[in-house]
Amino acid sequence: FDVTRSTVANVVQIGAKAANLGEMYTVGVGTGHELPLPDRPLAIPFAHYARHVAAAGLQPLIDAVITDYAAGALDPRQLEERLFAIRWQLYTAPIDPSLLTSLLPLLRARWADTLDLRFRSSTNVEDLAEFTGAGLYTSVGASVDEGELALANAIKTVWASVWNPQAFVEREFYRVDQHEVRMGILVHPSQEDELANGVALTINQFSDLRPAFYINSQLGDVSVTNPTGDATPEQILYYTWYEEPEYEVITRSSLMSWAENWPSATAILTDDELDELAGYLTDISARIRVRYPGSVADVEWKLLPDRRILIKQARPFRERTAAP
């Protein structure tokens, strides 16, 4: 499934992550201000996951754990053991050869066999305005030259992660019908050598009176949302209500001493890069507001080795003032 030709209407086939990303490929087209996005991503639709679950005979195990958990018959250890059994059976079951037969030519037509690809979850219960599901599922890398087994294992690893314990429990908390969960996969080139990474919300969560983008950044691939140790990200409010760009620094990154040959001793992004990112955020937010009324945009981005910005993904974020 060509993600560059998809829209949010395809969420029922390929999941919200892939469908939302597909929307981004039409933003700015014809104006010369297209978004910098992953190169020609593909999506593996839900149908392949459903066929694999059926062929592996997993549905009775899935139904049983859902029923037993709802009845209070499973403690955390028992739940984890039962979910591991489901993941293991899903992973060890042979994949349908026809999936690889159809997938390989598409991969080779887009990218070199040696290129490291990222296989990412795209379920029907993540990246939604009502349920983000951030961090619940597993991503994995593989390349065509590693062989069909490596590709099959990458696909099955992502599929299996739909039954990660944390994902199961969080879906229960939000009263998701676990019987209806489906896993699609988003495939695009991996970017593991980024100079920096970040997330941005196109809303000022600190004040409704001063519209701004809330931009968080960190060096390398150190997580912004789930930092380890004492790592503090750079946090900036980029105000959108002024005629000229203006921003306020909340915190600077605690890791700037690691940076070598950096334009600034204190700032992750230069002023020009901040302005560039803000331009992308403006366009993304406008599209998200149309597709998901009452929401703003939650955007993940990267700063590549040549200091180009890459928009990794965008999803809706429900404004606190919006009606439930």
C-alpha atoms as a PDB file:
ATOM      1  CA  PHE A   1       0.000   0.000   0.000  1.00  0.00           C
ATOM      2  CA  ASP A   2       1.602   3.282  -1.139  1.00  0.00           C
ATOM      3  CA  VAL A   3       1.436   5.601   1.875  1.00  0.00           C
ATOM      4  CA  THR A   4       2.073   8.679  -0.257  1.00  0.00           C
ATOM      5  CA  ARG A   5      -1.333   8.097  -1.880  1.00  0.00           C
ATOM      6  CA  SER A   6      -3.247   7.423   1.334  1.00  0.00           C
ATOM      7  CA  THR A   7      -5.424   9.681   3.484  1.00  0.00           C
ATOM      8  CA  VAL A   8      -7.162   9.380   6.850  1.00  0.00           C
ATOM      9  CA  ALA A   9      -9.912   7.544   4.998  1.00  0.00           C
ATOM     10  CA  ASN A  10      -7.496   4.597   4.769  1.00  0.00           C
ATOM     11  CA  VAL A  11      -7.182   4.278   8.545  1.00  0.00           C
ATOM     12  CA  VAL A  12      -9.467   1.216   8.458  1.00  0.00           C
ATOM     13  CA  GLN A  13      -6.984  -0.539   6.156  1.00  0.00           C
ATOM     14  CA  ILE A  14      -3.501   0.560   7.235  1.00  0.00           C
ATOM     15  CA  GLY A  15      -3.913   2.166  10.677  1.00  0.00           C
ATOM     16  CA  ALA A  16      -3.739   5.747  11.860  1.00  0.00           C
ATOM     17  CA  LYS A  17       0.054   6.186  11.864  1.00  0.00           C
ATOM     18  CA  ALA A  18       0.381   5.331   8.180  1.00  0.00           C
ATOM     19  CA  ALA A  19      -2.846   7.096   7.178  1.00  0.00           C
ATOM     20  CA  ASN A  20      -1.925  10.305   9.040  1.00  0.00           C
ATOM     21  CA  LEU A  21       1.518  10.259   7.440  1.00  0.00           C
ATOM     22  CA  GLY A  22      -0.114   9.819   4.043  1.00  0.00           C
ATOM     23  CA  GLU A  23      -2.047  13.034   4.571  1.00  0.00           C
ATOM     24  CA  MET A  24       1.223  14.905   4.964  1.00  0.00           C
ATOM     25  CA  TYR A  25       2.381  14.142   1.412  1.00  0.00           C
ATOM     26  CA  THR A  26      -0.226  16.467  -0.061  1.00  0.00           C
ATOM     27  CA  VAL A  27       0.538  19.372   2.288  1.00  0.00           C
ATOM     28  CA  GLY A  28       2.141  22.199   0.361  1.00  0.00           C
ATOM     29  CA  VAL A  29       2.157  20.338  -2.969  1.00  0.00           C
ATOM     30  CA  GLY A  30       2.032  22.849  -5.804  1.00  0.00           C
ATOM     31  CA  THR A  31       3.229  25.707  -3.613  1.00  0.00           C
ATOM     32  CA  GLY A  32       6.889  24.746  -3.411  1.00  0.00           C
ATOM     33  CA  HIS A  33       6.585  24.218   0.343  1.00  0.00           C
ATOM     34  CA  GLU A  34       6.186  20.456   0.573  1.00  0.00           C
ATOM     35  CA  LEU A  35       6.991  18.854   3.902  1.00  0.00           C
ATOM     36  CA  PRO A  36      10.300  16.974   4.310  1.00  0.00           C
ATOM     37  CA  LEU A  37       9.007  13.437   4.861  1.00  0.00           C
ATOM     38  CA  PRO A  38      10.304   9.828   4.773  1.00  0.00           C
ATOM     39  CA  ASP A  39      11.100   8.566   1.291  1.00  0.00           C
ATOM     40  CA  ARG A  40       8.111   6.796  -0.339  1.00  0.00           C
ATOM     41  CA  PRO A  41       6.913   4.728   2.634  1.00  0.00           C
ATOM     42  CA  LEU A  42       4.843   1.591   2.320  1.00  0.00           C
ATOM     43  CA  ALA A  43       2.149   0.137   4.563  1.00  0.00           C
ATOM     44  CA  ILE A  44       1.339  -3.523   5.140  1.00  0.00           C
ATOM     45  CA  PRO A  45      -2.455  -3.570   5.657  1.00  0.00           C
ATOM     46  CA  PHE A  46      -4.415  -5.142   8.528  1.00  0.00           C
ATOM     47  CA  ALA A  47      -5.558  -7.997   6.288  1.00  0.00           C
ATOM     48  CA  HIS A  48      -2.149  -9.693   6.428  1.00  0.00           C
ATOM     49  CA  TYR A  49      -2.101  -9.574  10.233  1.00  0.00           C
ATOM     50  CA  ALA A  50      -5.627 -11.017  10.400  1.00  0.00           C
ATOM     51  CA  ARG A  51      -4.697 -13.878   8.052  1.00  0.00           C
ATOM     52  CA  HIS A  52      -1.582 -14.672  10.071  1.00  0.00           C
ATOM     53  CA  VAL A  53      -3.537 -14.756  13.351  1.00  0.00           C
ATOM     54  CA  ALA A  54      -6.092 -17.100  11.783  1.00  0.00           C
ATOM     55  CA  ALA A  55      -3.457 -19.385  10.239  1.00  0.00           C
ATOM     56  CA  ALA A  56      -1.563 -19.588  13.555  1.00  0.00           C
ATOM     57  CA  GLY A  57      -4.743 -20.565  15.407  1.00  0.00           C
ATOM     58  CA  LEU A  58      -4.364 -17.643  17.805  1.00  0.00           C
ATOM     59  CA  GLN A  59      -7.910 -16.359  18.045  1.00  0.00           C
ATOM     60  CA  PRO A  60      -9.008 -18.792  20.814  1.00  0.00           C
ATOM     61  CA  LEU A  61      -5.976 -17.761  22.930  1.00  0.00           C
ATOM     62  CA  ILE A  62      -6.719 -14.091  22.353  1.00  0.00           C
ATOM     63  CA  ASP A  63     -10.399 -14.477  23.186  1.00  0.00           C
ATOM     64  CA  ALA A  64      -9.589 -16.435  26.340  1.00  0.00           C
ATOM     65  CA  VAL A  65      -7.119 -13.912  27.776  1.00  0.00           C
ATOM     66  CA  ILE A  66      -9.534 -11.043  27.100  1.00  0.00           C
ATOM     67  CA  THR A  67     -12.349 -12.909  28.842  1.00  0.00           C
ATOM     68  CA  ASP A  68     -10.267 -14.038  31.809  1.00  0.00           C
ATOM     69  CA  TYR A  69      -8.772 -10.590  32.381  1.00  0.00           C
ATOM     70  CA  ALA A  70     -12.186  -8.943  32.267  1.00  0.00           C
ATOM     71  CA  ALA A  71     -13.400 -11.469  34.876  1.00  0.00           C
ATOM     72  CA  GLY A  72     -10.511 -10.606  37.196  1.00  0.00           C
ATOM     73  CA  ALA A  73      -9.087 -14.108  36.883  1.00  0.00           C
ATOM     74  CA  LEU A  74      -5.525 -13.035  35.976  1.00  0.00           C
ATOM     75  CA  ASP A  75      -2.913 -11.407  38.180  1.00  0.00           C
ATOM     76  CA  PRO A  76      -0.140  -9.372  36.457  1.00  0.00           C
ATOM     77  CA  ARG A  77       2.241 -12.328  36.254  1.00  0.00           C
ATOM     78  CA  GLN A  78      -0.401 -14.615  34.762  1.00  0.00           C
ATOM     79  CA  LEU A  79      -1.417 -11.947  32.265  1.00  0.00           C
ATOM     80  CA  GLU A  80       2.180 -11.476  31.173  1.00  0.00           C
ATOM     81  CA  GLU A  81       2.658 -15.239  30.744  1.00  0.00           C
ATOM     82  CA  ARG A  82      -0.516 -15.603  28.690  1.00  0.00           C
ATOM     83  CA  LEU A  83       0.355 -12.638  26.469  1.00  0.00           C
ATOM     84  CA  PHE A  84       3.893 -13.941  25.974  1.00  0.00           C
ATOM     85  CA  ALA A  85       2.442 -17.243  24.786  1.00  0.00           C
ATOM     86  CA  ILE A  86       0.354 -15.382  22.218  1.00  0.00           C
ATOM     87  CA  ARG A  87       3.335 -13.340  21.016  1.00  0.00           C
ATOM     88  CA  TRP A  88       5.569 -16.379  20.820  1.00  0.00           C
ATOM     89  CA  GLN A  89       3.064 -18.441  18.848  1.00  0.00           C
ATOM     90  CA  LEU A  90       2.477 -15.512  16.494  1.00  0.00           C
ATOM     91  CA  TYR A  91       6.228 -15.006  16.019  1.00  0.00           C
ATOM     92  CA  THR A  92       7.107 -18.652  15.472  1.00  0.00           C
ATOM     93  CA  ALA A  93       4.264 -19.360  13.042  1.00  0.00           C
ATOM     94  CA  PRO A  94       5.440 -19.286   9.404  1.00  0.00           C
ATOM     95  CA  ILE A  95       4.561 -16.172   7.491  1.00  0.00           C
ATOM     96  CA  ASP A  96       2.514 -16.388   4.294  1.00  0.00           C
ATOM     97  CA  PRO A  97       5.117 -16.605   1.480  1.00  0.00           C
ATOM     98  CA  SER A  98       2.860 -14.584  -0.811  1.00  0.00           C
ATOM     99  CA  LEU A  99       3.275 -11.550   1.451  1.00  0.00           C
ATOM    100  CA  LEU A 100       7.039 -11.545   0.955  1.00  0.00           C
ATOM    101  CA  THR A 101       6.619 -12.298  -2.751  1.00  0.00           C
ATOM    102  CA  SER A 102       4.519  -9.173  -3.175  1.00  0.00           C
ATOM    103  CA  LEU A 103       6.526  -7.021  -0.739  1.00  0.00           C
ATOM    104  CA  LEU A 104      10.071  -7.622  -2.002  1.00  0.00           C
ATOM    105  CA  PRO A 105       9.617  -6.049  -5.472  1.00  0.00           C
ATOM    106  CA  LEU A 106       8.070  -2.972  -3.867  1.00  0.00           C
ATOM    107  CA  LEU A 107      11.004  -2.592  -1.475  1.00  0.00           C
ATOM    108  CA  ARG A 108      13.572  -3.063  -4.230  1.00  0.00           C
ATOM    109  CA  ALA A 109      11.826  -0.576  -6.502  1.00  0.00           C
ATOM    110  CA  ARG A 110      12.197   2.091  -3.824  1.00  0.00           C
ATOM    111  CA  TRP A 111      15.427   1.477  -1.960  1.00  0.00           C
ATOM    112  CA  ALA A 112      18.805  -0.235  -2.175  1.00  0.00           C
ATOM    113  CA  ASP A 113      18.942  -3.784  -0.786  1.00  0.00           C
ATOM    114  CA  THR A 114      21.518  -2.667   1.788  1.00  0.00           C
ATOM    115  CA  LEU A 115      19.431   0.214   3.147  1.00  0.00           C
ATOM    116  CA  ASP A 116      18.273  -0.254   6.729  1.00  0.00           C
ATOM    117  CA  LEU A 117      14.490  -0.073   6.827  1.00  0.00           C
ATOM    118  CA  ARG A 118      12.264   0.636   9.815  1.00  0.00           C
ATOM    119  CA  PHE A 119       9.186  -1.509  10.390  1.00  0.00           C
ATOM    120  CA  ARG A 120       6.788   0.400  12.673  1.00  0.00           C
ATOM    121  CA  SER A 121       3.390  -0.308  14.162  1.00  0.00           C
ATOM    122  CA  SER A 122       0.309   1.271  12.608  1.00  0.00           C
ATOM    123  CA  THR A 123      -2.672  -0.076  14.517  1.00  0.00           C
ATOM    124  CA  ASN A 124      -6.286   1.009  14.700  1.00  0.00           C
ATOM    125  CA  VAL A 125      -5.684   2.002  18.345  1.00  0.00           C
ATOM    126  CA  GLU A 126      -2.830   4.524  18.202  1.00  0.00           C
ATOM    127  CA  ASP A 127      -2.176   7.999  16.858  1.00  0.00           C
ATOM    128  CA  LEU A 128      -5.834   8.900  17.264  1.00  0.00           C
ATOM    129  CA  ALA A 129      -7.254  12.016  18.883  1.00  0.00           C
ATOM    130  CA  GLU A 130      -8.829   9.884  21.613  1.00  0.00           C
ATOM    131  CA  PHE A 131      -5.944   7.407  22.092  1.00  0.00           C
ATOM    132  CA  THR A 132      -2.315   8.073  21.165  1.00  0.00           C
ATOM    133  CA  GLY A 133      -0.877   4.700  22.215  1.00  0.00           C
ATOM    134  CA  ALA A 134       2.597   6.234  22.164  1.00  0.00           C
ATOM    135  CA  GLY A 135       5.379   3.797  23.065  1.00  0.00           C
ATOM    136  CA  LEU A 136       3.112   0.765  23.416  1.00  0.00           C
ATOM    137  CA  TYR A 137       4.258  -1.168  20.385  1.00  0.00           C
ATOM    138  CA  THR A 138       7.600  -2.345  18.982  1.00  0.00           C
ATOM    139  CA  SER A 139       9.569  -1.055  15.989  1.00  0.00           C
ATOM    140  CA  VAL A 140      12.382  -3.036  14.408  1.00  0.00           C
ATOM    141  CA  GLY A 141      14.942  -2.657  11.628  1.00  0.00           C
ATOM    142  CA  ALA A 142      15.806  -4.957   8.705  1.00  0.00           C
ATOM    143  CA  SER A 143      17.138  -4.685   5.171  1.00  0.00           C
ATOM    144  CA  VAL A 144      16.435  -6.645   2.006  1.00  0.00           C
ATOM    145  CA  ASP A 145      19.984  -7.998   1.770  1.00  0.00           C
ATOM    146  CA  GLU A 146      19.536  -9.707   5.161  1.00  0.00           C
ATOM    147  CA  GLY A 147      17.162 -12.109   3.457  1.00  0.00           C
ATOM    148  CA  GLU A 148      13.517 -13.086   3.556  1.00  0.00           C
ATOM    149  CA  LEU A 149      13.792 -14.589   7.033  1.00  0.00           C
ATOM    150  CA  ALA A 150      14.955 -11.271   8.502  1.00  0.00           C
ATOM    151  CA  LEU A 151      12.112  -9.423   6.788  1.00  0.00           C
ATOM    152  CA  ALA A 152       9.579 -12.004   7.959  1.00  0.00           C
ATOM    153  CA  ASN A 153      10.870 -11.808  11.533  1.00  0.00           C
ATOM    154  CA  ALA A 154      10.721  -7.994  11.472  1.00  0.00           C
ATOM    155  CA  ILE A 155       7.099  -8.090  10.332  1.00  0.00           C
ATOM    156  CA  LYS A 156       6.122 -10.700  12.916  1.00  0.00           C
ATOM    157  CA  THR A 157       7.916  -8.837  15.718  1.00  0.00           C
ATOM    158  CA  VAL A 158       5.803  -5.757  15.053  1.00  0.00           C
ATOM    159  CA  TRP A 159       2.629  -7.831  14.707  1.00  0.00           C
ATOM    160  CA  ALA A 160       3.326  -9.616  17.997  1.00  0.00           C
ATOM    161  CA  SER A 161       3.831  -6.348  19.863  1.00  0.00           C
ATOM    162  CA  VAL A 162       0.107  -5.649  19.674  1.00  0.00           C
ATOM    163  CA  TRP A 163      -0.062  -8.090  22.609  1.00  0.00           C
ATOM    164  CA  ASN A 164       2.619  -6.400  24.719  1.00  0.00           C
ATOM    165  CA  PRO A 165       1.408  -6.322  28.360  1.00  0.00           C
ATOM    166  CA  GLN A 166       1.542  -2.526  28.630  1.00  0.00           C
ATOM    167  CA  ALA A 167      -0.438  -2.162  25.414  1.00  0.00           C
ATOM    168  CA  PHE A 168      -3.070  -4.657  26.569  1.00  0.00           C
ATOM    169  CA  VAL A 169      -3.524  -2.993  29.973  1.00  0.00           C
ATOM    170  CA  GLU A 170      -3.680   0.527  28.573  1.00  0.00           C
ATOM    171  CA  ARG A 171      -6.284  -0.481  26.014  1.00  0.00           C
ATOM    172  CA  GLU A 172      -8.328  -2.038  28.818  1.00  0.00           C
ATOM    173  CA  PHE A 173      -8.067   1.181  30.816  1.00  0.00           C
ATOM    174  CA  TYR A 174      -9.467   3.142  27.884  1.00  0.00           C
ATOM    175  CA  ARG A 175     -12.178   0.503  27.336  1.00  0.00           C
ATOM    176  CA  VAL A 176     -10.973  -0.459  23.886  1.00  0.00           C
ATOM    177  CA  ASP A 177     -12.649  -3.558  22.461  1.00  0.00           C
ATOM    178  CA  GLN A 178      -9.605  -5.839  22.383  1.00  0.00           C
ATOM    179  CA  HIS A 179     -11.313  -8.215  19.949  1.00  0.00           C
ATOM    180  CA  GLU A 180     -11.230  -5.463  17.309  1.00  0.00           C
ATOM    181  CA  VAL A 181      -7.538  -4.565  17.571  1.00  0.00           C
ATOM    182  CA  ARG A 182      -5.688  -4.803  14.264  1.00  0.00           C
ATOM    183  CA  MET A 183      -2.013  -4.273  13.442  1.00  0.00           C
ATOM    184  CA  GLY A 184      -0.701  -2.737  10.246  1.00  0.00           C
ATOM    185  CA  ILE A 185       2.942  -1.913   9.549  1.00  0.00           C
ATOM    186  CA  LEU A 186       4.549   1.279   8.254  1.00  0.00           C
ATOM    187  CA  VAL A 187       7.840   0.741   6.382  1.00  0.00           C
ATOM    188  CA  HIS A 188      10.317   3.492   5.495  1.00  0.00           C
ATOM    189  CA  PRO A 189      14.089   4.099   5.548  1.00  0.00           C
ATOM    190  CA  SER A 190      15.632   4.193   8.995  1.00  0.00           C
ATOM    191  CA  GLN A 191      17.304   7.347  10.297  1.00  0.00           C
ATOM    192  CA  GLU A 192      19.533   6.276  13.171  1.00  0.00           C
ATOM    193  CA  ASP A 193      22.233   8.908  12.780  1.00  0.00           C
ATOM    194  CA  GLU A 194      20.207  12.016  13.544  1.00  0.00           C
ATOM    195  CA  LEU A 195      21.877  15.025  15.113  1.00  0.00           C
ATOM    196  CA  ALA A 196      18.778  15.726  17.178  1.00  0.00           C
ATOM    197  CA  ASN A 197      15.192  14.637  17.586  1.00  0.00           C
ATOM    198  CA  GLY A 198      12.099  16.275  18.944  1.00  0.00           C
ATOM    199  CA  VAL A 199       8.371  16.535  19.369  1.00  0.00           C
ATOM    200  CA  ALA A 200       6.151  19.564  18.997  1.00  0.00           C
ATOM    201  CA  LEU A 201       2.585  20.421  19.916  1.00  0.00           C
ATOM    202  CA  THR A 202       0.895  23.168  17.939  1.00  0.00           C
ATOM    203  CA  ILE A 203      -0.663  24.614  21.084  1.00  0.00           C
ATOM    204  CA  ASN A 204       0.544  26.557  24.109  1.00  0.00           C
ATOM    205  CA  GLN A 205      -0.365  24.251  26.987  1.00  0.00           C
ATOM    206  CA  PHE A 206       0.726  26.854  29.506  1.00  0.00           C
ATOM    207  CA  SER A 207      -1.582  29.681  28.441  1.00  0.00           C
ATOM    208  CA  ASP A 208      -4.636  29.941  26.207  1.00  0.00           C
ATOM    209  CA  LEU A 209      -3.993  33.678  25.852  1.00  0.00           C
ATOM    210  CA  ARG A 210      -0.656  33.443  24.012  1.00  0.00           C
ATOM    211  CA  PRO A 211      -0.846  31.074  21.006  1.00  0.00           C
ATOM    212  CA  ALA A 212       2.412  29.215  20.474  1.00  0.00           C
ATOM    213  CA  PHE A 213       4.045  25.994  19.345  1.00  0.00           C
ATOM    214  CA  TYR A 214       5.556  23.959  22.188  1.00  0.00           C
ATOM    215  CA  ILE A 215       8.801  22.560  20.734  1.00  0.00           C
ATOM    216  CA  ASN A 216      10.890  19.984  22.606  1.00  0.00           C
ATOM    217  CA  SER A 217      14.325  18.934  21.326  1.00  0.00           C
ATOM    218  CA  GLN A 218      17.200  16.721  22.390  1.00  0.00           C
ATOM    219  CA  LEU A 219      20.591  15.740  21.008  1.00  0.00           C
ATOM    220  CA  GLY A 220      20.987  12.531  19.024  1.00  0.00           C
ATOM    221  CA  ASP A 221      18.356   9.888  19.605  1.00  0.00           C
ATOM    222  CA  VAL A 222      17.977  10.529  23.347  1.00  0.00           C
ATOM    223  CA  SER A 223      14.257  10.396  24.047  1.00  0.00           C
ATOM    224  CA  VAL A 224      12.431  13.661  24.608  1.00  0.00           C
ATOM    225  CA  THR A 225       9.268  12.131  26.022  1.00  0.00           C
ATOM    226  CA  ASN A 226      10.895   9.388  28.131  1.00  0.00           C
ATOM    227  CA  PRO A 227      14.404  10.606  28.988  1.00  0.00           C
ATOM    228  CA  THR A 228      16.794   8.445  30.955  1.00  0.00           C
ATOM    229  CA  GLY A 229      18.928   9.638  33.836  1.00  0.00           C
ATOM    230  CA  ASP A 230      19.106  13.398  34.308  1.00  0.00           C
ATOM    231  CA  ALA A 231      18.708  14.330  30.638  1.00  0.00           C
ATOM    232  CA  THR A 232      16.648  17.506  30.287  1.00  0.00           C
ATOM    233  CA  PRO A 233      15.368  18.402  26.796  1.00  0.00           C
ATOM    234  CA  GLU A 234      15.325  21.837  25.263  1.00  0.00           C
ATOM    235  CA  GLN A 235      11.824  23.315  25.649  1.00  0.00           C
ATOM    236  CA  ILE A 236      10.747  26.338  23.651  1.00  0.00           C
ATOM    237  CA  LEU A 237       7.498  28.244  23.207  1.00  0.00           C
ATOM    238  CA  TYR A 238       7.511  29.598  19.663  1.00  0.00           C
ATOM    239  CA  TYR A 239       4.861  32.318  19.647  1.00  0.00           C
ATOM    240  CA  THR A 240       2.520  32.463  16.676  1.00  0.00           C
ATOM    241  CA  TRP A 241       0.648  35.647  17.506  1.00  0.00           C
ATOM    242  CA  TYR A 242       3.442  38.072  16.656  1.00  0.00           C
ATOM    243  CA  GLU A 243       4.037  39.524  13.197  1.00  0.00           C
ATOM    244  CA  GLU A 244       7.726  38.682  13.546  1.00  0.00           C
ATOM    245  CA  PRO A 245       9.007  35.351  14.951  1.00  0.00           C
ATOM    246  CA  GLU A 246       9.566  35.378  18.688  1.00  0.00           C
ATOM    247  CA  TYR A 247      10.206  32.552  21.099  1.00  0.00           C
ATOM    248  CA  GLU A 248      10.730  31.919  24.794  1.00  0.00           C
ATOM    249  CA  VAL A 249      13.217  29.381  26.152  1.00  0.00           C
ATOM    250  CA  ILE A 250      11.853  27.328  29.053  1.00  0.00           C
ATOM    251  CA  THR A 251      14.878  25.038  29.395  1.00  0.00           C
ATOM    252  CA  ARG A 252      17.989  24.284  27.404  1.00  0.00           C
ATOM    253  CA  SER A 253      19.215  20.751  26.820  1.00  0.00           C
ATOM    254  CA  SER A 254      21.382  19.406  29.609  1.00  0.00           C
ATOM    255  CA  LEU A 255      23.405  17.469  27.023  1.00  0.00           C
ATOM    256  CA  MET A 256      24.824  20.377  25.000  1.00  0.00           C
ATOM    257  CA  SER A 257      28.309  19.667  26.344  1.00  0.00           C
ATOM    258  CA  TRP A 258      28.215  16.538  24.175  1.00  0.00           C
ATOM    259  CA  ALA A 259      27.718  18.524  20.970  1.00  0.00           C
ATOM    260  CA  GLU A 260      30.710  18.878  18.668  1.00  0.00           C
ATOM    261  CA  ASN A 261      31.036  21.506  15.921  1.00  0.00           C
ATOM    262  CA  TRP A 262      27.575  22.816  16.797  1.00  0.00           C
ATOM    263  CA  PRO A 263      26.392  26.255  15.608  1.00  0.00           C
ATOM    264  CA  SER A 264      25.574  27.241  19.193  1.00  0.00           C
ATOM    265  CA  ALA A 265      26.951  26.312  22.589  1.00  0.00           C
ATOM    266  CA  THR A 266      23.478  26.394  24.113  1.00  0.00           C
ATOM    267  CA  ALA A 267      20.757  25.925  21.477  1.00  0.00           C
ATOM    268  CA  ILE A 268      19.923  22.720  19.594  1.00  0.00           C
ATOM    269  CA  LEU A 269      18.207  24.505  16.703  1.00  0.00           C
ATOM    270  CA  THR A 270      19.389  27.749  15.164  1.00  0.00           C
ATOM    271  CA  ASP A 271      16.887  30.591  14.786  1.00  0.00           C
ATOM    272  CA  ASP A 272      16.589  29.838  11.067  1.00  0.00           C
ATOM    273  CA  GLU A 273      15.921  26.164  11.804  1.00  0.00           C
ATOM    274  CA  LEU A 274      13.304  27.084  14.388  1.00  0.00           C
ATOM    275  CA  ASP A 275      11.587  29.320  11.839  1.00  0.00           C
ATOM    276  CA  GLU A 276      11.715  26.533   9.248  1.00  0.00           C
ATOM    277  CA  LEU A 277      10.236  24.000  11.675  1.00  0.00           C
ATOM    278  CA  ALA A 278       7.537  26.469  12.699  1.00  0.00           C
ATOM    279  CA  GLY A 279       6.557  26.843   9.048  1.00  0.00           C
ATOM    280  CA  TYR A 280       6.073  23.097   8.749  1.00  0.00           C
ATOM    281  CA  LEU A 281       4.116  23.011  12.001  1.00  0.00           C
ATOM    282  CA  THR A 282       1.782  25.729  10.729  1.00  0.00           C
ATOM    283  CA  ASP A 283       0.914  23.702   7.620  1.00  0.00           C
ATOM    284  CA  ILE A 284       0.607  20.416   9.505  1.00  0.00           C
ATOM    285  CA  SER A 285      -1.633  21.938  12.151  1.00  0.00           C
ATOM    286  CA  ALA A 286      -3.966  23.351   9.504  1.00  0.00           C
ATOM    287  CA  ARG A 287      -4.386  19.898   7.933  1.00  0.00           C
ATOM    288  CA  ILE A 288      -4.881  18.113  11.255  1.00  0.00           C
ATOM    289  CA  ARG A 289      -7.539  20.632  12.333  1.00  0.00           C
ATOM    290  CA  VAL A 290      -9.494  19.905   9.159  1.00  0.00           C
ATOM    291  CA  ARG A 291      -9.207  16.133   9.435  1.00  0.00           C
ATOM    292  CA  TYR A 292      -9.709  15.990  13.222  1.00  0.00           C
ATOM    293  CA  PRO A 293     -11.919  18.901  14.322  1.00  0.00           C
ATOM    294  CA  GLY A 294     -11.157  20.030  17.862  1.00  0.00           C
ATOM    295  CA  SER A 295      -7.567  18.779  17.686  1.00  0.00           C
ATOM    296  CA  VAL A 296      -4.141  20.288  17.119  1.00  0.00           C
ATOM    297  CA  ALA A 297      -1.024  18.525  15.836  1.00  0.00           C
ATOM    298  CA  ASP A 298       1.451  16.374  17.753  1.00  0.00           C
ATOM    299  CA  VAL A 299       4.523  16.136  15.514  1.00  0.00           C
ATOM    300  CA  GLU A 300       7.713  14.077  15.730  1.00  0.00           C
ATOM    301  CA  TRP A 301      10.734  15.368  13.819  1.00  0.00           C
ATOM    302  CA  LYS A 302      14.455  14.792  13.394  1.00  0.00           C
ATOM    303  CA  LEU A 303      17.492  16.890  12.536  1.00  0.00           C
ATOM    304  CA  LEU A 304      19.557  14.913  10.026  1.00  0.00           C
ATOM    305  CA  PRO A 305      23.371  14.908   9.714  1.00  0.00           C
ATOM    306  CA  ASP A 306      23.310  17.655   7.063  1.00  0.00           C
ATOM    307  CA  ARG A 307      21.050  19.677   9.402  1.00  0.00           C
ATOM    308  CA  ARG A 308      17.971  19.076   7.286  1.00  0.00           C
ATOM    309  CA  ILE A 309      14.726  18.698   9.215  1.00  0.00           C
ATOM    310  CA  LEU A 310      12.691  15.526   8.648  1.00  0.00           C
ATOM    311  CA  ILE A 311       9.064  15.251   9.719  1.00  0.00           C
ATOM    312  CA  LYS A 312       8.779  11.712  11.072  1.00  0.00           C
ATOM    313  CA  GLN A 313       5.045  11.619  11.799  1.00  0.00           C
ATOM    314  CA  ALA A 314       2.064  13.713  12.795  1.00  0.00           C
ATOM    315  CA  ARG A 315      -1.021  12.815  14.792  1.00  0.00           C
ATOM    316  CA  PRO A 316      -3.967  14.670  16.322  1.00  0.00           C
ATOM    317  CA  PHE A 317      -3.798  15.967  19.868  1.00  0.00           C
ATOM    318  CA  ARG A 318      -7.036  16.808  21.627  1.00  0.00           C
ATOM    319  CA  GLU A 319      -7.037  20.354  22.940  1.00  0.00           C
ATOM    320  CA  ARG A 320      -7.880  20.656  26.612  1.00  0.00           C
ATOM    321  CA  THR A 321     -10.591  23.214  25.770  1.00  0.00           C
ATOM    322  CA  ALA A 322     -12.175  21.016  23.113  1.00  0.00           C
ATOM    323  CA  ALA A 323     -15.422  19.231  23.779  1.00  0.00           C
ATOM    324  CA  PRO A 324     -14.957  15.556  24.691  1.00  0.00           C
END
